[in-house]
């Protein structure tokens, strides 16, 4: 798992869930001064209302020790690429991964 979470209760929940399900978290970056992204959805008969809180996805980092040879699946959230700085980081990562995989 390559992702960024905050050092907060939501981040701890995600980390614990991944560990309990044997997901390697070598590249899970925990940051002290950001919050784990979360969306609250209010169901309604018409259009659902939602409130999104973003912090970790805006502070995504690619670790220096990332070994692309071990990567088998890349899934990118549309949220992660909706901000220019993050898009550039992820685009570069995908280009490097493509060289390794293909």
N, C-alpha and C. Protein backbone atom coordinates (compact mmCIF):
# COMPACT_ATOMS: atom_id res chain seq x y z
N UNK A 1 0.85 -1.17 0.00
CA UNK A 1 0.00 0.00 0.00
C UNK A 1 0.89 1.23 0.00
N UNK A 2 0.71 2.06 -0.98
CA UNK A 2 1.40 3.35 -1.06
C UNK A 2 0.34 4.42 -0.88
N UNK A 3 0.37 5.08 0.26
CA UNK A 3 -0.63 6.09 0.55
C UNK A 3 -0.14 6.96 1.69
N UNK A 4 -0.85 8.03 1.92
CA UNK A 4 -0.55 8.92 3.05
C UNK A 4 -1.80 9.02 3.92
N UNK A 5 -1.60 8.85 5.20
CA UNK A 5 -2.68 9.01 6.17
C UNK A 5 -2.20 9.96 7.26
N UNK A 6 -3.15 10.49 8.00
CA UNK A 6 -2.79 11.32 9.14
C UNK A 6 -2.60 10.45 10.37
N UNK A 7 -1.87 10.98 11.34
CA UNK A 7 -1.75 10.30 12.63
C UNK A 7 -2.96 10.73 13.46
N UNK A 8 -4.08 10.09 13.16
CA UNK A 8 -5.35 10.41 13.80
C UNK A 8 -6.16 9.12 13.91
N UNK A 9 -7.31 9.15 14.56
CA UNK A 9 -8.10 7.92 14.71
C UNK A 9 -8.49 7.25 13.40
N UNK A 10 -8.82 8.02 12.36
CA UNK A 10 -9.18 7.42 11.08
C UNK A 10 -7.97 6.74 10.44
N UNK A 11 -6.81 7.38 10.53
CA UNK A 11 -5.58 6.78 10.00
C UNK A 11 -5.22 5.51 10.74
N UNK A 12 -5.37 5.52 12.05
CA UNK A 12 -5.09 4.31 12.84
C UNK A 12 -6.05 3.18 12.47
N UNK A 13 -7.31 3.52 12.25
CA UNK A 13 -8.29 2.52 11.84
C UNK A 13 -7.88 1.88 10.51
N UNK A 14 -7.50 2.70 9.55
CA UNK A 14 -7.09 2.20 8.24
C UNK A 14 -5.85 1.33 8.37
N UNK A 15 -4.87 1.80 9.10
CA UNK A 15 -3.63 1.04 9.30
C UNK A 15 -3.91 -0.31 9.95
N UNK A 16 -4.70 -0.32 11.01
CA UNK A 16 -5.05 -1.57 11.69
C UNK A 16 -5.79 -2.53 10.77
N UNK A 17 -6.72 -2.00 9.98
CA UNK A 17 -7.48 -2.82 9.04
C UNK A 17 -6.55 -3.47 8.02
N UNK A 18 -5.63 -2.69 7.47
CA UNK A 18 -4.69 -3.23 6.48
C UNK A 18 -3.81 -4.32 7.10
N UNK A 19 -3.31 -4.07 8.29
CA UNK A 19 -2.46 -5.06 8.95
C UNK A 19 -3.22 -6.35 9.25
N UNK A 20 -4.46 -6.22 9.72
CA UNK A 20 -5.27 -7.41 10.02
C UNK A 20 -5.57 -8.23 8.78
N UNK A 21 -5.52 -7.58 7.62
CA UNK A 21 -5.80 -8.26 6.36
C UNK A 21 -4.53 -8.54 5.55
N UNK A 22 -3.40 -8.55 6.26
CA UNK A 22 -2.10 -8.93 5.68
C UNK A 22 -1.68 -8.09 4.48
N UNK A 23 -2.03 -6.81 4.50
CA UNK A 23 -1.59 -5.90 3.45
C UNK A 23 -0.27 -5.29 3.90
N UNK A 24 0.73 -5.32 3.04
CA UNK A 24 2.02 -4.73 3.38
C UNK A 24 1.88 -3.22 3.41
N UNK A 25 2.36 -2.63 4.48
CA UNK A 25 2.23 -1.18 4.63
C UNK A 25 3.60 -0.50 4.68
N UNK A 26 4.57 -1.09 4.00
CA UNK A 26 5.92 -0.51 3.98
C UNK A 26 5.93 0.92 3.47
N UNK A 27 5.01 1.26 2.59
CA UNK A 27 4.98 2.58 1.97
C UNK A 27 3.76 3.39 2.41
N UNK A 28 3.22 3.05 3.55
CA UNK A 28 2.12 3.83 4.11
C UNK A 28 2.73 4.94 4.95
N UNK A 29 2.61 6.16 4.49
CA UNK A 29 3.22 7.31 5.17
C UNK A 29 2.21 7.90 6.15
N UNK A 30 2.62 7.97 7.41
CA UNK A 30 1.79 8.58 8.44
C UNK A 30 2.35 9.96 8.75
N UNK A 31 1.51 10.98 8.65
CA UNK A 31 1.97 12.34 8.88
C UNK A 31 1.30 12.94 10.10
N UNK A 32 2.09 13.62 10.89
CA UNK A 32 1.63 14.21 12.14
C UNK A 32 0.69 15.39 11.91
N UNK A 33 0.97 16.23 10.95
CA UNK A 33 0.25 17.48 10.80
C UNK A 33 -0.81 17.48 9.69
N UNK A 34 -1.26 16.30 9.29
CA UNK A 34 -2.35 16.22 8.31
C UNK A 34 -3.42 15.29 8.86
N UNK A 35 -4.59 15.38 8.27
CA UNK A 35 -5.70 14.52 8.68
C UNK A 35 -6.00 13.52 7.57
N UNK A 36 -6.38 12.32 7.96
CA UNK A 36 -6.78 11.30 7.00
C UNK A 36 -8.04 11.77 6.29
N UNK A 37 -8.04 11.64 4.97
CA UNK A 37 -9.20 12.06 4.17
C UNK A 37 -10.43 11.25 4.57
N UNK A 38 -11.57 11.94 4.60
CA UNK A 38 -12.82 11.27 4.92
C UNK A 38 -13.97 12.06 4.28
N UNK A 39 -15.01 11.33 3.92
CA UNK A 39 -16.21 11.95 3.35
C UNK A 39 -17.41 11.50 4.16
N UNK A 40 -18.20 12.45 4.57
CA UNK A 40 -19.45 12.15 5.25
C UNK A 40 -20.58 12.37 4.25
N UNK A 41 -21.48 11.39 4.13
CA UNK A 41 -22.59 11.47 3.19
C UNK A 41 -23.90 11.43 3.97
N UNK A 42 -24.75 12.39 3.68
CA UNK A 42 -26.06 12.47 4.28
C UNK A 42 -27.06 11.94 3.25
N UNK A 43 -27.61 10.77 3.49
CA UNK A 43 -28.56 10.19 2.55
C UNK A 43 -29.86 10.99 2.56
N UNK A 44 -30.44 11.16 1.39
CA UNK A 44 -31.73 11.82 1.29
C UNK A 44 -32.49 11.22 0.12
N UNK A 45 -33.77 11.51 0.04
CA UNK A 45 -34.58 10.98 -1.06
C UNK A 45 -34.23 11.65 -2.37
N UNK A 46 -33.73 12.86 -2.31
CA UNK A 46 -33.38 13.58 -3.53
C UNK A 46 -31.89 13.37 -3.83
N UNK A 47 -31.12 14.37 -3.63
CA UNK A 47 -29.69 14.27 -3.92
C UNK A 47 -28.92 14.17 -2.62
N UNK A 48 -28.05 13.17 -2.49
CA UNK A 48 -27.28 13.08 -1.25
C UNK A 48 -26.35 14.29 -1.11
N UNK A 49 -26.23 14.74 0.09
CA UNK A 49 -25.28 15.82 0.39
C UNK A 49 -24.04 15.19 0.97
N UNK A 50 -22.89 15.73 0.63
CA UNK A 50 -21.68 15.19 1.22
C UNK A 50 -20.72 16.31 1.60
N UNK A 51 -19.92 16.02 2.59
CA UNK A 51 -18.89 16.94 3.05
C UNK A 51 -17.58 16.17 3.04
N UNK A 52 -16.65 16.65 2.23
CA UNK A 52 -15.35 15.99 2.10
C UNK A 52 -14.29 16.78 2.86
N UNK A 53 -13.48 16.05 3.59
CA UNK A 53 -12.35 16.63 4.29
C UNK A 53 -11.08 16.03 3.70
N UNK A 54 -10.27 16.88 3.10
CA UNK A 54 -9.05 16.43 2.45
C UNK A 54 -7.84 17.06 3.11
N UNK A 55 -6.88 16.25 3.39
CA UNK A 55 -5.62 16.75 3.92
C UNK A 55 -4.50 15.80 3.50
N UNK A 56 -4.65 14.52 3.82
CA UNK A 56 -3.61 13.55 3.51
C UNK A 56 -3.38 13.42 2.00
N UNK A 57 -4.45 13.41 1.21
CA UNK A 57 -4.29 13.25 -0.23
C UNK A 57 -3.60 14.47 -0.85
N UNK A 58 -3.68 15.60 -0.19
CA UNK A 58 -3.00 16.80 -0.67
C UNK A 58 -1.54 16.85 -0.22
N UNK A 59 -1.16 15.90 0.62
CA UNK A 59 0.21 15.83 1.14
C UNK A 59 0.85 14.49 0.84
N UNK A 60 0.40 13.85 -0.23
CA UNK A 60 0.91 12.54 -0.66
C UNK A 60 2.39 12.64 -0.99
N UNK A 61 3.16 11.65 -0.55
CA UNK A 61 4.58 11.58 -0.84
C UNK A 61 4.93 10.22 -1.38
N UNK A 62 5.86 10.19 -2.31
CA UNK A 62 6.40 8.93 -2.80
C UNK A 62 7.70 8.69 -2.02
N UNK A 63 7.75 7.63 -1.23
CA UNK A 63 8.95 7.37 -0.44
C UNK A 63 10.18 7.14 -1.31
N UNK A 64 11.33 7.59 -0.82
CA UNK A 64 12.59 7.42 -1.56
C UNK A 64 12.94 5.95 -1.76
N UNK A 65 12.53 5.10 -0.83
CA UNK A 65 12.89 3.68 -0.90
C UNK A 65 11.87 2.82 -1.64
N UNK A 66 10.99 3.45 -2.42
CA UNK A 66 9.96 2.71 -3.15
C UNK A 66 10.60 1.78 -4.17
N UNK A 67 10.25 0.51 -4.10
CA UNK A 67 10.76 -0.50 -5.03
C UNK A 67 9.65 -0.87 -6.00
N UNK A 68 9.70 -0.31 -7.19
CA UNK A 68 8.63 -0.53 -8.17
C UNK A 68 8.58 -1.96 -8.69
N UNK A 69 9.64 -2.71 -8.52
CA UNK A 69 9.64 -4.11 -8.97
C UNK A 69 8.64 -4.95 -8.18
N UNK A 70 8.28 -4.51 -7.00
CA UNK A 70 7.34 -5.25 -6.16
C UNK A 70 5.89 -4.87 -6.40
N UNK A 71 5.67 -3.83 -7.20
CA UNK A 71 4.32 -3.34 -7.45
C UNK A 71 3.64 -4.21 -8.50
N UNK A 72 2.43 -4.64 -8.22
CA UNK A 72 1.67 -5.47 -9.15
C UNK A 72 0.39 -4.78 -9.62
N UNK A 73 -0.13 -3.91 -8.78
CA UNK A 73 -1.39 -3.22 -9.09
C UNK A 73 -1.21 -1.74 -8.76
N UNK A 74 -1.69 -0.90 -9.66
CA UNK A 74 -1.73 0.52 -9.37
C UNK A 74 -3.18 0.97 -9.50
N UNK A 75 -3.70 1.52 -8.41
CA UNK A 75 -5.04 2.10 -8.42
C UNK A 75 -4.88 3.54 -7.96
N UNK A 76 -5.39 4.45 -8.75
CA UNK A 76 -5.23 5.86 -8.42
C UNK A 76 -6.60 6.48 -8.23
N UNK A 77 -6.77 7.09 -7.09
CA UNK A 77 -8.02 7.79 -6.80
C UNK A 77 -8.11 9.06 -7.63
N UNK A 78 -9.29 9.36 -8.11
CA UNK A 78 -9.46 10.61 -8.85
C UNK A 78 -9.21 11.81 -7.95
N UNK A 79 -9.44 11.62 -6.67
CA UNK A 79 -9.15 12.68 -5.72
C UNK A 79 -7.68 13.02 -5.69
N UNK A 80 -6.86 11.99 -5.76
CA UNK A 80 -5.41 12.17 -5.67
C UNK A 80 -4.86 13.00 -6.82
N UNK A 81 -5.46 12.90 -7.99
CA UNK A 81 -4.93 13.61 -9.15
C UNK A 81 -5.69 14.90 -9.46
N UNK A 82 -6.58 15.29 -8.58
CA UNK A 82 -7.38 16.50 -8.83
C UNK A 82 -6.64 17.78 -8.46
N UNK A 83 -5.49 17.65 -7.88
CA UNK A 83 -4.67 18.80 -7.51
C UNK A 83 -3.36 18.71 -8.29
N UNK A 84 -2.92 19.79 -8.90
CA UNK A 84 -1.81 19.78 -9.86
C UNK A 84 -0.53 19.19 -9.30
N UNK A 85 -0.12 19.61 -8.12
CA UNK A 85 1.15 19.12 -7.55
C UNK A 85 1.10 17.61 -7.36
N UNK A 86 -0.02 17.11 -6.85
CA UNK A 86 -0.16 15.68 -6.63
C UNK A 86 -0.26 14.94 -7.96
N UNK A 87 -0.96 15.52 -8.93
CA UNK A 87 -1.06 14.91 -10.25
C UNK A 87 0.34 14.70 -10.84
N UNK A 88 1.19 15.69 -10.74
CA UNK A 88 2.54 15.58 -11.30
C UNK A 88 3.33 14.47 -10.63
N UNK A 89 3.23 14.34 -9.30
CA UNK A 89 3.93 13.27 -8.58
C UNK A 89 3.43 11.90 -9.04
N UNK A 90 2.11 11.77 -9.13
CA UNK A 90 1.52 10.48 -9.49
C UNK A 90 1.79 10.14 -10.94
N UNK A 91 1.73 11.12 -11.81
CA UNK A 91 2.03 10.90 -13.23
C UNK A 91 3.47 10.40 -13.41
N UNK A 92 4.40 11.02 -12.70
CA UNK A 92 5.80 10.59 -12.76
C UNK A 92 5.93 9.15 -12.24
N UNK A 93 5.24 8.84 -11.15
CA UNK A 93 5.27 7.49 -10.58
C UNK A 93 4.74 6.46 -11.58
N UNK A 94 3.64 6.77 -12.24
CA UNK A 94 3.05 5.86 -13.21
C UNK A 94 4.00 5.64 -14.39
N UNK A 95 4.62 6.70 -14.87
CA UNK A 95 5.58 6.57 -15.97
C UNK A 95 6.75 5.67 -15.58
N UNK A 96 7.27 5.84 -14.36
CA UNK A 96 8.36 5.00 -13.88
C UNK A 96 7.91 3.55 -13.71
N UNK A 97 6.72 3.36 -13.18
CA UNK A 97 6.19 2.01 -12.99
C UNK A 97 5.99 1.32 -14.33
N UNK A 98 5.53 2.05 -15.30
CA UNK A 98 5.30 1.49 -16.63
C UNK A 98 6.60 0.95 -17.23
N UNK A 99 7.69 1.67 -17.01
CA UNK A 99 9.00 1.20 -17.49
C UNK A 99 9.40 -0.12 -16.81
N UNK A 100 9.11 -0.21 -15.52
CA UNK A 100 9.47 -1.41 -14.74
C UNK A 100 8.62 -2.62 -15.12
N UNK A 101 7.33 -2.38 -15.31
CA UNK A 101 6.39 -3.48 -15.52
C UNK A 101 6.43 -3.98 -16.95
N UNK A 102 6.52 -3.07 -17.91
CA UNK A 102 6.43 -3.48 -19.31
C UNK A 102 7.79 -3.55 -19.92
